[in-house]
Amino acid sequence: MRGVSEGIEEILNQILEGRRPNRDQLLRLMECDVLSDEMYALMATANRLTRQSFNNMGEVHAQVGVNYAPCPKKCKFCVFGSAVKSMEFTVEEVVRRARAFEKEGANAIFLMTTADYDFDKFLLLGNAVRRAIHPHMPLVANIGDFGHKEANDLLDAGFTAIYHVCRLREGIDTCIDPKDRLSTIKAAKSLGLDLSYCIEPIGPEHTHEELVEAILLGRELKPTIMATMRRIAVGDTPLSRLGQISELELAKIEAITRLAVGPDILAMGVHEANVPSLLAGANQVYAETGPNPRDESEDTSKGRGLDVNQCKKLLGEVRYRPREGPARSLQGPLRRE
């Protein structure tokens, strides 16, 4: 490869041969400058792997934020950590928005709440949404930490997967013990719930070493979907003063993450959606409505959030064919029936 060092070329060739990169190799890839020939070789390799693995098909996963309220976990990147107002959608409104996403062509439905949202109320929401959508549509819980009993209750309510992450600097930038995050993931997976995982929320202060450790942890957890997400400098959240990384930097991390996890995923996501990352191994993006941790608006569909059609258009810009119907990923026990 012209302009690409022998060391980088060797790592990329080994990955294409099916060998997983180790920690030192991932750190070497992190050193690539985003304007270098090596960056484009990195993106091209991840892009090739994703398009071959998923038959050039993209997915849109859609999330309904349920409530906007002060959250006791005080995450320094989240608007809920310093919120002073509260609002909550009714069951009927959550169902309406979930059905609208499905009608528009979303491939999975996520329900998200603040970490302290009442669990029994969440189960009622899940039951109502499950009855209203296609029986094989993935239904994903994005909630606070829980144990084995709650994981079983989520299954009974019709959920097929969770979105749960041990985030960058968990326990430092959040009031959450990283062990609790990992315990929740273990409980969910032990009962058959699929895992959607993400390297997030990436900021300019995070070192290459931190990012590689996060990628390796994600790989070890064996998620059904892997993704990356950059932190958004929103409002007066404590970390907003540090700014945010560029789309190009996110694309580099996306490509490295994609190459690190190899063939063991069913989709590769990026958030928020952008063309560089969709040319660097991502094939799955997110539509959003309702409250959003990265948006001061009570309804992100009027702010930062994209709708399903906008997501499909982005996938089409890079010549992915949007999947029709329920996703192959995040089916949980349904996929194994």
Foldseek 3Di string as FASTA:
>chain_A
DPQDDPLLVVVLVVLVVPDFDDLVNLLVLLPDDLPGPSVVVLLQSLLVQQCVLQVLAFAEEEEEEFKQAQAPFLQLQFPNVPDDDIDGDDLVVLLVVLVVQVVLFHQAYEYEYGQPPDLVVVLVSLLSNCVNDDLQAAYEYEYHFDALVSLVSSVVSRHQAYEAELEQPVVNSTVDDSVRRVRRLVSNVVVFFAYAYEHDQDFPVDDSSSLSVRLVVVLVSLGQEYEYHYRQLADVRPCNVRPIDDPSSRLSSQSSSSSNNGNRYQFYAYPCDDLSNSSRNHRYHYAYFADDRRDPDRTCVVPVGDGPVVVCVSSVVVRRHYDGYHGCTRSTVNNVD
